[in-house]
């Protein structure tokens, strides 16, 4: 470990990394050219889960992971801590694209993935503050009720009715008291966790099993393999040549590599965190379990109750940056963080004097059609997964299992899912990308405000809603 590293910088990236009970001193950097069986770009959930399942299938594989910062630095260590059966596309859109049978398989696979993550956490004895408490999708007014009804109807149509439960206003209030809540949909197989603890533990487990993890090592170029030539990851101080495959697992950060510039865009999600609530404050809002909570708002919000008794409130609002720029200073955006803190007080009026101790953020990756891409080219020996659209804690585990099968050139029901070998069409070039992204962001905010003010559900016919439909 590098004892002189600026660990306060890494602790400051999120409350999760701050409380994962590690110094976060970076592992050594790559300073030589080496050969390995599998070379992975990125030590977040995608890269770590892929390595985990590759070793599970073949313990003799040599695996090398290159990480620009430290394990869990990106979305894996900064997200809202949901392990959810949701996907970045809705059941309605999935049915339109893939048909009912494939959509049923897809959402059943996502539900099974939550159980798989729990299985590994228990098997490996990982302390990640995991609790399968379910998830509540709240209608904050009458305008949100049609969205709940549609969700229930779609799951019934798919034969997945047992996954959900509709709760009326009184039933919702028995679980949590939110101002204006008219009802909710309870998703049973959903969990909450400290993602920082999980990602850091996974890295340790892999290291103990012989995986080489080089940190503070930026990949500058990805070289494809060809007949008789191995794929490579090129850095400033050395090259990693892979005998079997290269795996691209950088999620939003892949957008910073030139040939990925238009494959996905980085969209910032921001989070604020309260001080620990008193027992009296918890009683005032009735949130006895650890259900994750969100609403039907198009602008997106997501809450969790942390293991140490705080409320995490996250949402979108940071404007898209021209040319898909990612910078540290974008992790905090005062207008959005102020808005999130006001929403905490609006949802829970009894907490009007609550204090906030942490605010952070980071980019997530979105493809042009909002569909994750799980790919492997048997000719170039390049594999990768990206574009989770904010549902990465669970979807990355599914990605790791699928990529391990693709790399081993094996087939099973998971490798037949619609996102496998799917490449989304490219995002528009700048400045069209910037104009479109900014327009959609502002449009959805206006639609939410109009729906709330008039208590009438969005009709889905504005240009912003149509462009954002997923």
Protein backbone atom coordinates (compact mmCIF):
# COMPACT_ATOMS: atom_id res chain seq x y z
CA UNK A 1 0.00 0.00 0.00
CA UNK A 2 1.08 3.54 -0.68
CA UNK A 3 1.10 5.07 2.79
CA UNK A 4 1.71 8.57 1.42
CA UNK A 5 -1.48 8.61 -0.67
CA UNK A 6 -3.99 11.41 -0.29
CA UNK A 7 -6.67 9.17 1.22
CA UNK A 8 -8.83 12.10 2.46
CA UNK A 9 -9.54 12.76 -1.22
CA UNK A 10 -11.00 9.30 -1.67
CA UNK A 11 -12.91 9.38 1.62
CA UNK A 12 -14.53 12.63 0.47
CA UNK A 13 -16.06 11.00 -2.63
CA UNK A 14 -19.01 9.61 -0.66
CA UNK A 15 -20.29 8.71 2.77
CA UNK A 16 -19.99 5.06 1.73
CA UNK A 17 -16.27 5.28 1.07
CA UNK A 18 -15.78 7.36 4.21
CA UNK A 19 -17.42 4.67 6.36
CA UNK A 20 -16.15 1.49 4.68
CA UNK A 21 -13.56 1.14 7.48
CA UNK A 22 -10.54 1.34 5.21
CA UNK A 23 -7.76 3.87 4.77
CA UNK A 24 -8.33 3.72 1.01
CA UNK A 25 -4.60 3.92 0.35
CA UNK A 26 -4.15 3.04 -3.34
CA UNK A 27 -2.63 -0.25 -4.35
CA UNK A 28 0.59 -0.07 -6.39
CA UNK A 29 0.43 1.28 -9.93
CA UNK A 30 1.44 -0.69 -13.00
CA UNK A 31 5.06 0.06 -13.92
CA UNK A 32 5.89 -2.72 -16.36
CA UNK A 33 4.49 -4.55 -19.37
CA UNK A 34 2.95 -7.87 -18.43
CA UNK A 35 0.89 -10.74 -19.80
CA UNK A 36 -2.28 -12.14 -18.25
CA UNK A 37 -5.23 -14.29 -19.27
CA UNK A 38 -7.88 -11.61 -18.72
CA UNK A 39 -7.23 -7.86 -18.45
CA UNK A 40 -10.02 -5.71 -17.01
CA UNK A 41 -10.37 -1.94 -17.26
CA UNK A 42 -12.10 -0.68 -14.11
CA UNK A 43 -12.26 -1.91 -10.51
CA UNK A 44 -15.92 -1.16 -9.91
CA UNK A 45 -18.76 -3.65 -9.66
CA UNK A 46 -18.70 -4.65 -13.34
CA UNK A 47 -15.01 -5.49 -13.40
CA UNK A 48 -14.99 -7.14 -9.98
CA UNK A 49 -18.09 -9.27 -10.54
CA UNK A 50 -16.75 -10.37 -13.94
CA UNK A 51 -13.46 -11.41 -12.33
CA UNK A 52 -15.34 -13.16 -9.52
CA UNK A 53 -17.40 -15.34 -11.85
CA UNK A 54 -14.52 -16.01 -14.24
CA UNK A 55 -12.52 -17.40 -11.32
CA UNK A 56 -15.56 -19.28 -10.08
CA UNK A 57 -15.68 -21.06 -13.45
CA UNK A 58 -11.90 -21.44 -13.79
CA UNK A 59 -9.75 -20.79 -10.67
CA UNK A 60 -6.54 -21.20 -12.68
CA UNK A 61 -7.11 -18.03 -14.75
CA UNK A 62 -4.71 -15.13 -14.26
CA UNK A 63 -6.62 -11.84 -14.07
CA UNK A 64 -5.29 -8.30 -13.97
CA UNK A 65 -7.45 -5.25 -13.21
CA UNK A 66 -6.37 -1.70 -14.02
CA UNK A 67 -8.08 1.15 -12.17
CA UNK A 68 -7.50 4.85 -12.79
CA UNK A 69 -8.13 5.76 -9.12
CA UNK A 70 -9.02 3.15 -6.46
CA UNK A 71 -11.46 0.25 -6.32
CA UNK A 72 -14.99 1.64 -5.95
CA UNK A 73 -14.02 5.20 -6.87
CA UNK A 74 -16.80 5.61 -9.44
CA UNK A 75 -20.52 4.86 -9.33
CA UNK A 76 -19.94 1.61 -7.41
CA UNK A 77 -18.85 3.57 -4.34
CA UNK A 78 -21.17 6.57 -4.67
CA UNK A 79 -24.66 5.32 -5.57
CA UNK A 80 -27.87 5.32 -3.55
CA UNK A 81 -27.37 1.84 -2.13
CA UNK A 82 -30.29 0.13 -3.84
CA UNK A 83 -29.98 -3.46 -5.06
CA UNK A 84 -33.16 -3.48 -7.07
CA UNK A 85 -34.87 -5.78 -9.59
CA UNK A 86 -35.55 -2.74 -11.74
CA UNK A 87 -33.83 -2.25 -15.07
CA UNK A 88 -32.94 0.95 -16.93
CA UNK A 89 -35.86 0.30 -19.30
CA UNK A 90 -39.44 -0.16 -18.11
CA UNK A 91 -41.53 -3.30 -18.63
CA UNK A 92 -43.76 -1.36 -21.05
CA UNK A 93 -40.85 -0.42 -23.32
CA UNK A 94 -39.33 -3.90 -23.00
CA UNK A 95 -42.58 -5.52 -24.14
CA UNK A 96 -42.69 -3.23 -27.18
CA UNK A 97 -39.11 -4.12 -28.11
CA UNK A 98 -38.77 -7.76 -27.16
CA UNK A 99 -42.25 -9.19 -26.67
CA UNK A 100 -43.90 -10.52 -23.54
CA UNK A 101 -41.95 -13.77 -23.15
CA UNK A 102 -38.49 -12.17 -23.39
CA UNK A 103 -39.56 -9.34 -21.09
CA UNK A 104 -40.75 -11.86 -18.49
CA UNK A 105 -37.38 -13.62 -18.68
CA UNK A 106 -35.57 -10.30 -18.40
CA UNK A 107 -37.35 -9.06 -15.29
CA UNK A 108 -37.29 -12.49 -13.68
CA UNK A 109 -33.51 -12.47 -14.23
CA UNK A 110 -33.28 -9.08 -12.52
CA UNK A 111 -35.26 -10.34 -9.52
CA UNK A 112 -33.07 -13.43 -9.36
CA UNK A 113 -30.01 -11.16 -9.45
CA UNK A 114 -31.00 -9.52 -6.16
CA UNK A 115 -31.10 -12.99 -4.62
CA UNK A 116 -27.75 -13.85 -6.22
CA UNK A 117 -26.07 -10.77 -4.71
CA UNK A 118 -27.48 -11.73 -1.31
CA UNK A 119 -26.22 -15.29 -1.80
CA UNK A 120 -22.66 -14.10 -2.47
CA UNK A 121 -22.73 -11.65 0.45
CA UNK A 122 -23.72 -14.48 2.80
CA UNK A 123 -21.37 -17.02 1.19
CA UNK A 124 -18.36 -14.69 1.43
CA UNK A 125 -19.35 -13.31 4.84
CA UNK A 126 -19.33 -9.71 3.58
CA UNK A 127 -20.44 -7.00 6.00
CA UNK A 128 -22.20 -4.55 3.67
CA UNK A 129 -25.15 -3.44 5.88
CA UNK A 130 -27.35 -5.54 3.59
CA UNK A 131 -31.06 -5.83 4.30
CA UNK A 132 -33.73 -7.12 1.97
CA UNK A 133 -36.48 -4.74 3.09
CA UNK A 134 -38.25 -4.24 -0.22
CA UNK A 135 -38.86 -1.00 -2.08
CA UNK A 136 -41.73 1.51 -2.14
CA UNK A 137 -42.71 3.44 -5.26
CA UNK A 138 -44.79 6.34 -3.94
CA UNK A 139 -47.53 8.40 -5.61
CA UNK A 140 -47.01 11.83 -4.05
CA UNK A 141 -50.45 12.97 -5.22
CA UNK A 142 -53.39 11.65 -7.19
CA UNK A 143 -51.40 12.43 -10.32
CA UNK A 144 -49.04 9.55 -9.49
CA UNK A 145 -51.68 6.84 -9.05
CA UNK A 146 -52.09 5.94 -12.76
CA UNK A 147 -48.36 5.12 -12.95
CA UNK A 148 -48.74 2.73 -10.03
CA UNK A 149 -51.77 1.09 -11.59
CA UNK A 150 -49.91 0.67 -14.88
CA UNK A 151 -46.99 -0.99 -13.10
CA UNK A 152 -49.27 -3.49 -11.36
CA UNK A 153 -51.10 -4.22 -14.63
CA UNK A 154 -47.85 -4.79 -16.53
CA UNK A 155 -46.48 -7.21 -13.96
CA UNK A 156 -49.78 -9.10 -13.91
CA UNK A 157 -49.61 -9.33 -17.71
CA UNK A 158 -46.08 -10.74 -17.45
CA UNK A 159 -47.09 -13.33 -14.88
CA UNK A 160 -44.94 -11.63 -12.24
CA UNK A 161 -47.76 -10.35 -10.03
CA UNK A 162 -46.25 -12.01 -6.94
CA UNK A 163 -43.24 -9.68 -7.17
CA UNK A 164 -45.34 -6.61 -6.28
CA UNK A 165 -48.04 -5.47 -3.88
CA UNK A 166 -50.29 -2.44 -4.27
CA UNK A 167 -50.67 -0.41 -1.09
CA UNK A 168 -53.42 2.20 -0.66
CA UNK A 169 -52.93 5.43 1.25
CA UNK A 170 -53.49 3.90 4.69
CA UNK A 171 -51.36 0.84 3.95
CA UNK A 172 -48.58 3.09 2.70
CA UNK A 173 -48.69 5.21 5.85
CA UNK A 174 -48.24 2.09 7.96
CA UNK A 175 -44.80 1.74 6.36
CA UNK A 176 -43.82 5.39 5.97
CA UNK A 177 -45.52 8.77 6.39
CA UNK A 178 -44.73 11.07 3.49
CA UNK A 179 -46.65 14.32 2.97
CA UNK A 180 -49.14 13.96 0.12
CA UNK A 181 -48.61 10.24 -0.43
CA UNK A 182 -51.75 8.66 -1.91
CA UNK A 183 -50.54 5.11 -2.38
CA UNK A 184 -47.58 3.00 -3.39
CA UNK A 185 -46.33 -0.15 -5.06
CA UNK A 186 -44.22 -2.38 -2.84
CA UNK A 187 -41.52 -4.39 -4.63
CA UNK A 188 -40.77 -7.36 -2.42
CA UNK A 189 -37.41 -8.63 -3.68
CA UNK A 190 -35.33 -5.46 -3.29
CA UNK A 191 -32.55 -4.63 -0.88
CA UNK A 192 -30.54 -1.84 0.67
CA UNK A 193 -26.81 -1.81 1.42
CA UNK A 194 -23.63 0.19 1.82
CA UNK A 195 -22.19 -0.22 -1.70
CA UNK A 196 -18.79 1.10 -0.64
CA UNK A 197 -18.36 -1.81 1.76
CA UNK A 198 -19.44 -4.33 -0.86
CA UNK A 199 -17.15 -3.08 -3.63
CA UNK A 200 -14.12 -2.83 -1.36
CA UNK A 201 -14.73 -6.32 0.09
CA UNK A 202 -15.05 -7.79 -3.41
CA UNK A 203 -11.68 -6.30 -4.34
CA UNK A 204 -10.08 -7.86 -1.24
CA UNK A 205 -11.63 -11.27 -1.96
CA UNK A 206 -10.30 -11.22 -5.52
CA UNK A 207 -6.85 -10.13 -4.40
CA UNK A 208 -6.76 -13.02 -1.92
CA UNK A 209 -7.52 -15.33 -4.85
CA UNK A 210 -4.60 -14.09 -6.88
CA UNK A 211 -6.09 -11.26 -8.95
CA UNK A 212 -3.64 -8.42 -9.57
CA UNK A 213 -5.26 -5.02 -9.04
CA UNK A 214 -3.20 -2.01 -10.12
CA UNK A 215 -4.61 1.34 -8.98
CA UNK A 216 -3.89 4.91 -10.00
CA UNK A 217 -3.25 3.41 -13.42
CA UNK A 218 -5.07 5.09 -16.28
CA UNK A 219 -5.75 3.12 -19.46
CA UNK A 220 -4.86 5.37 -22.40
CA UNK A 221 -5.65 3.00 -25.25
CA UNK A 222 -7.49 -0.25 -25.91
CA UNK A 223 -5.92 -2.36 -28.65
CA UNK A 224 -8.11 -4.97 -30.28
CA UNK A 225 -6.90 -8.50 -30.82
CA UNK A 226 -6.76 -10.13 -34.23
CA UNK A 227 -5.61 -13.40 -35.77
CA UNK A 228 -2.53 -14.37 -33.78
CA UNK A 229 -2.45 -11.07 -31.87
CA UNK A 230 -3.67 -10.56 -28.31
CA UNK A 231 -5.77 -7.56 -27.18
CA UNK A 232 -3.99 -5.04 -24.94
CA UNK A 233 -4.62 -2.29 -22.41
CA UNK A 234 -2.05 0.46 -22.82
CA UNK A 235 -1.02 2.78 -19.96
CA UNK A 236 1.70 5.42 -19.60
CA UNK A 237 4.00 3.00 -17.75
CA UNK A 238 3.28 -0.35 -19.30
CA UNK A 239 1.01 -2.56 -21.35
CA UNK A 240 -1.14 -5.49 -20.26
CA UNK A 241 -1.51 -8.14 -22.96
CA UNK A 242 -4.41 -10.56 -22.50
CA UNK A 243 -4.23 -14.15 -23.72
CA UNK A 244 -7.98 -14.71 -23.39
CA UNK A 245 -9.86 -11.38 -23.33
CA UNK A 246 -9.91 -7.71 -22.41
CA UNK A 247 -12.96 -6.52 -20.44
CA UNK A 248 -14.08 -2.88 -20.56
CA UNK A 249 -15.80 -2.12 -17.25
CA UNK A 250 -15.52 1.63 -16.87
CA UNK A 251 -19.26 2.52 -17.10
CA UNK A 252 -19.68 6.34 -17.45
CA UNK A 253 -15.91 6.83 -17.54
CA UNK A 254 -15.70 4.92 -20.81
CA UNK A 255 -17.15 8.07 -22.39
CA UNK A 256 -13.76 9.71 -21.82
CA UNK A 257 -12.07 7.26 -24.22
CA UNK A 258 -12.16 8.67 -27.75
CA UNK A 259 -13.78 5.72 -29.50
CA UNK A 260 -16.48 5.51 -26.78
CA UNK A 261 -17.31 9.22 -26.82
CA UNK A 262 -20.73 8.63 -28.36
CA UNK A 263 -21.45 5.14 -27.04
CA UNK A 264 -22.84 6.51 -23.80
CA UNK A 265 -23.16 9.82 -21.98
CA UNK A 266 -22.32 10.56 -18.34
CA UNK A 267 -25.33 11.87 -16.41
CA UNK A 268 -24.73 13.07 -12.88
CA UNK A 269 -26.81 11.83 -9.99
CA UNK A 270 -26.49 13.73 -6.71
CA UNK A 271 -27.09 12.72 -3.10
CA UNK A 272 -27.52 14.42 0.25
CA UNK A 273 -27.47 12.77 3.68
CA UNK A 274 -29.01 13.80 7.00
CA UNK A 275 -27.55 13.55 10.45
CA UNK A 276 -28.70 10.45 12.40
CA UNK A 277 -32.34 10.81 13.37
CA UNK A 278 -33.50 10.47 16.97
CA UNK A 279 -35.93 7.76 17.97
CA UNK A 280 -38.64 10.42 18.27
CA UNK A 281 -37.94 11.67 14.73
CA UNK A 282 -38.17 8.14 13.31
CA UNK A 283 -41.46 7.62 15.12
CA UNK A 284 -42.80 10.83 13.56
CA UNK A 285 -42.33 9.47 10.03
CA UNK A 286 -43.03 5.83 10.80
CA UNK A 287 -40.19 4.40 8.71
CA UNK A 288 -39.57 1.34 10.88
CA UNK A 289 -38.09 -0.94 8.22
CA UNK A 290 -35.33 -0.23 5.72
CA UNK A 291 -37.42 -0.12 2.56
CA UNK A 292 -35.88 1.92 -0.22
CA UNK A 293 -38.21 4.68 -1.37
CA UNK A 294 -38.79 6.56 -4.61
CA UNK A 295 -41.67 8.32 -6.31
CA UNK A 296 -43.30 8.39 -9.73
CA UNK A 297 -41.65 11.73 -10.57
CA UNK A 298 -39.97 11.77 -13.98
CA UNK A 299 -37.04 13.75 -12.57
CA UNK A 300 -36.07 10.74 -10.40
CA UNK A 301 -35.65 10.53 -6.64
CA UNK A 302 -34.35 7.72 -4.47
CA UNK A 303 -34.12 7.35 -0.70
CA UNK A 304 -32.77 4.86 1.77
CA UNK A 305 -32.53 4.53 5.52
CA UNK A 306 -28.91 3.85 6.37
CA UNK A 307 -27.80 1.27 8.91
CA UNK A 308 -26.77 4.06 11.29
CA UNK A 309 -30.15 5.81 11.12
CA UNK A 310 -29.78 8.56 8.51
CA UNK A 311 -31.92 9.45 5.50
CA UNK A 312 -30.21 9.44 2.13
CA UNK A 313 -32.02 11.44 -0.56
CA UNK A 314 -30.77 11.33 -4.12
CA UNK A 315 -31.90 12.65 -7.48
CA UNK A 316 -30.95 14.16 -10.80
CA UNK A 317 -30.62 17.85 -11.63
CA UNK A 318 -26.96 18.46 -12.37
CA UNK A 319 -26.98 19.73 -15.98
CA UNK A 320 -25.32 17.64 -18.69
CA UNK A 321 -21.88 19.02 -19.50
CA UNK A 322 -20.78 19.76 -23.04
CA UNK A 323 -18.77 17.00 -24.74
CA UNK A 324 -19.58 14.56 -21.91
CA UNK A 325 -17.06 16.16 -19.56
CA UNK A 326 -16.43 14.50 -16.20
CA UNK A 327 -14.71 16.55 -13.50
CA UNK A 328 -14.40 16.39 -9.72
CA UNK A 329 -16.07 19.78 -9.35
CA UNK A 330 -19.24 18.39 -10.97
CA UNK A 331 -19.74 16.02 -8.01
CA UNK A 332 -21.28 18.90 -6.07
CA UNK A 333 -23.87 21.22 -7.58
CA UNK A 334 -25.38 23.58 -5.03
CA UNK A 335 -28.74 24.23 -6.75
CA UNK A 336 -29.51 20.52 -6.92
CA UNK A 337 -28.16 19.64 -3.49
CA UNK A 338 -30.18 22.51 -1.99
CA UNK A 339 -33.27 21.21 -3.83
CA UNK A 340 -32.74 17.70 -2.48
CA UNK A 341 -32.47 19.00 1.07
CA UNK A 342 -35.67 20.99 0.65
CA UNK A 343 -37.39 17.88 -0.66
CA UNK A 344 -36.44 15.98 2.49
CA UNK A 345 -38.21 18.64 4.55
CA UNK A 346 -41.17 18.74 2.16
CA UNK A 347 -41.66 14.98 2.23
CA UNK A 348 -41.16 14.84 6.00
CA UNK A 349 -42.45 18.13 7.55
CA UNK A 350 -41.61 16.94 11.08
CA UNK A 351 -37.93 17.06 10.06
CA UNK A 352 -37.96 20.76 9.16
CA UNK A 353 -34.94 21.40 11.40
CA UNK A 354 -32.91 18.39 10.33
CA UNK A 355 -29.23 18.97 9.57
CA UNK A 356 -27.30 17.53 6.64
CA UNK A 357 -23.80 16.16 7.04
CA UNK A 358 -22.80 14.96 3.54
CA UNK A 359 -23.48 15.83 -0.08
CA UNK A 360 -21.85 14.13 -3.05
CA UNK A 361 -22.48 12.91 -6.56
CA UNK A 362 -21.04 11.26 -9.61
CA UNK A 363 -21.75 10.19 -13.18
CA UNK A 364 -23.70 7.19 -14.37
CA UNK A 365 -23.73 5.91 -17.95
CA UNK A 366 -26.72 6.08 -20.29
CA UNK A 367 -26.89 4.60 -23.77
CA UNK A 368 -28.93 6.15 -26.58
CA UNK A 369 -31.76 3.62 -26.14
CA UNK A 370 -31.31 3.32 -22.34
CA UNK A 371 -30.50 -0.40 -22.78
CA UNK A 372 -27.38 -1.84 -21.15
CA UNK A 373 -24.86 -3.30 -23.59
CA UNK A 374 -23.25 -6.66 -22.72
CA UNK A 375 -20.87 -7.54 -25.54
CA UNK A 376 -18.05 -9.87 -26.49
CA UNK A 377 -16.35 -10.01 -29.88
CA UNK A 378 -14.75 -13.41 -30.45
CA UNK A 379 -12.51 -11.92 -33.17
CA UNK A 380 -11.08 -8.94 -31.29
CA UNK A 381 -11.37 -10.63 -27.86
CA UNK A 382 -12.86 -7.44 -26.40
CA UNK A 383 -15.71 -7.79 -23.92
CA UNK A 384 -17.56 -5.12 -21.99
CA UNK A 385 -20.71 -4.00 -20.20
CA UNK A 386 -22.00 -0.46 -19.70
CA UNK A 387 -25.07 1.76 -19.70
CA UNK A 388 -26.90 0.75 -16.51
CA UNK A 389 -28.87 4.01 -16.34
CA UNK A 390 -28.79 4.20 -12.54
CA UNK A 391 -29.62 0.53 -11.83
CA UNK A 392 -26.05 -0.68 -11.68
CA UNK A 393 -25.76 -2.29 -8.24
CA UNK A 394 -27.86 -5.24 -9.38
CA UNK A 395 -27.33 -5.11 -13.15
CA UNK A 396 -23.53 -5.26 -12.79
CA UNK A 397 -23.82 -8.64 -11.08
CA UNK A 398 -25.90 -9.91 -13.98
CA UNK A 399 -23.32 -8.41 -16.35
CA UNK A 400 -20.47 -10.19 -14.57
CA UNK A 401 -22.17 -13.56 -14.84
CA UNK A 402 -23.04 -13.03 -18.51
CA UNK A 403 -19.60 -11.73 -19.53
CA UNK A 404 -17.93 -14.69 -17.84
CA UNK A 405 -20.10 -17.02 -19.94
CA UNK A 406 -19.48 -15.11 -23.16
CA UNK A 407 -15.72 -15.08 -22.63
CA UNK A 408 -15.80 -18.83 -22.01
CA UNK A 409 -17.95 -19.12 -25.17
CA UNK A 410 -20.71 -20.87 -23.24
CA UNK A 411 -24.44 -20.37 -23.60
CA UNK A 412 -27.20 -20.47 -21.02
CA UNK A 413 -30.59 -18.72 -20.62
CA UNK A 414 -28.89 -15.54 -19.37
CA UNK A 415 -26.79 -15.19 -22.52
CA UNK A 416 -30.04 -15.10 -24.53
CA UNK A 417 -31.34 -11.96 -22.78
CA UNK A 418 -31.99 -8.94 -25.03
CA UNK A 419 -29.06 -6.79 -23.86
CA UNK A 420 -26.53 -9.50 -24.72
CA UNK A 421 -24.54 -8.67 -27.87
CA UNK A 422 -26.67 -5.53 -28.16
CA UNK A 423 -24.93 -2.34 -29.24
CA UNK A 424 -26.99 0.82 -28.85
CA UNK A 425 -26.86 3.36 -31.64
CA UNK A 426 -24.52 6.24 -31.01
CA UNK A 427 -25.47 9.48 -29.34
CA UNK A 428 -25.64 12.52 -31.59
CA UNK A 429 -22.44 14.54 -32.08
CA UNK A 430 -21.98 17.83 -30.25
CA UNK A 431 -23.55 20.35 -30.04
CA UNK A 432 -26.72 18.35 -30.76
CA UNK A 433 -26.02 16.02 -27.83
CA UNK A 434 -25.72 18.93 -25.41
CA UNK A 435 -28.82 20.68 -26.75
CA UNK A 436 -30.91 17.51 -26.59
CA UNK A 437 -29.76 16.42 -23.12
CA UNK A 438 -30.28 19.87 -21.62
CA UNK A 439 -33.71 20.14 -23.25
CA UNK A 440 -34.88 16.81 -21.87
CA UNK A 441 -33.61 17.62 -18.38
CA UNK A 442 -35.44 20.95 -18.21
CA UNK A 443 -38.56 19.55 -19.89
CA UNK A 444 -38.99 16.73 -17.38
CA UNK A 445 -38.63 19.17 -14.49
CA UNK A 446 -41.42 21.31 -15.99
CA UNK A 447 -43.66 18.27 -16.50
CA UNK A 448 -43.21 17.25 -12.86
CA UNK A 449 -43.99 20.74 -11.59
CA UNK A 450 -47.10 20.97 -13.78
CA UNK A 451 -48.36 17.56 -12.64
CA UNK A 452 -47.82 18.44 -9.00
CA UNK A 453 -49.45 21.88 -9.29
CA UNK A 454 -52.56 20.60 -11.11
CA UNK A 455 -52.60 17.11 -9.55
CA UNK A 456 -53.05 15.66 -13.02
CA UNK A 457 -50.86 12.81 -14.33
CA UNK A 458 -48.42 13.55 -17.15
CA UNK A 459 -49.86 12.52 -20.52
CA UNK A 460 -46.52 11.45 -21.96
CA UNK A 461 -47.03 13.50 -25.10
CA UNK A 462 -44.54 16.31 -24.61
CA UNK A 463 -41.37 16.13 -26.69
CA UNK A 464 -39.25 15.80 -23.56
CA UNK A 465 -41.29 12.83 -22.30
CA UNK A 466 -41.17 11.12 -25.68
CA UNK A 467 -37.41 11.57 -25.98
CA UNK A 468 -36.91 10.28 -22.44
CA UNK A 469 -39.24 7.29 -22.69
CA UNK A 470 -37.52 4.13 -21.55
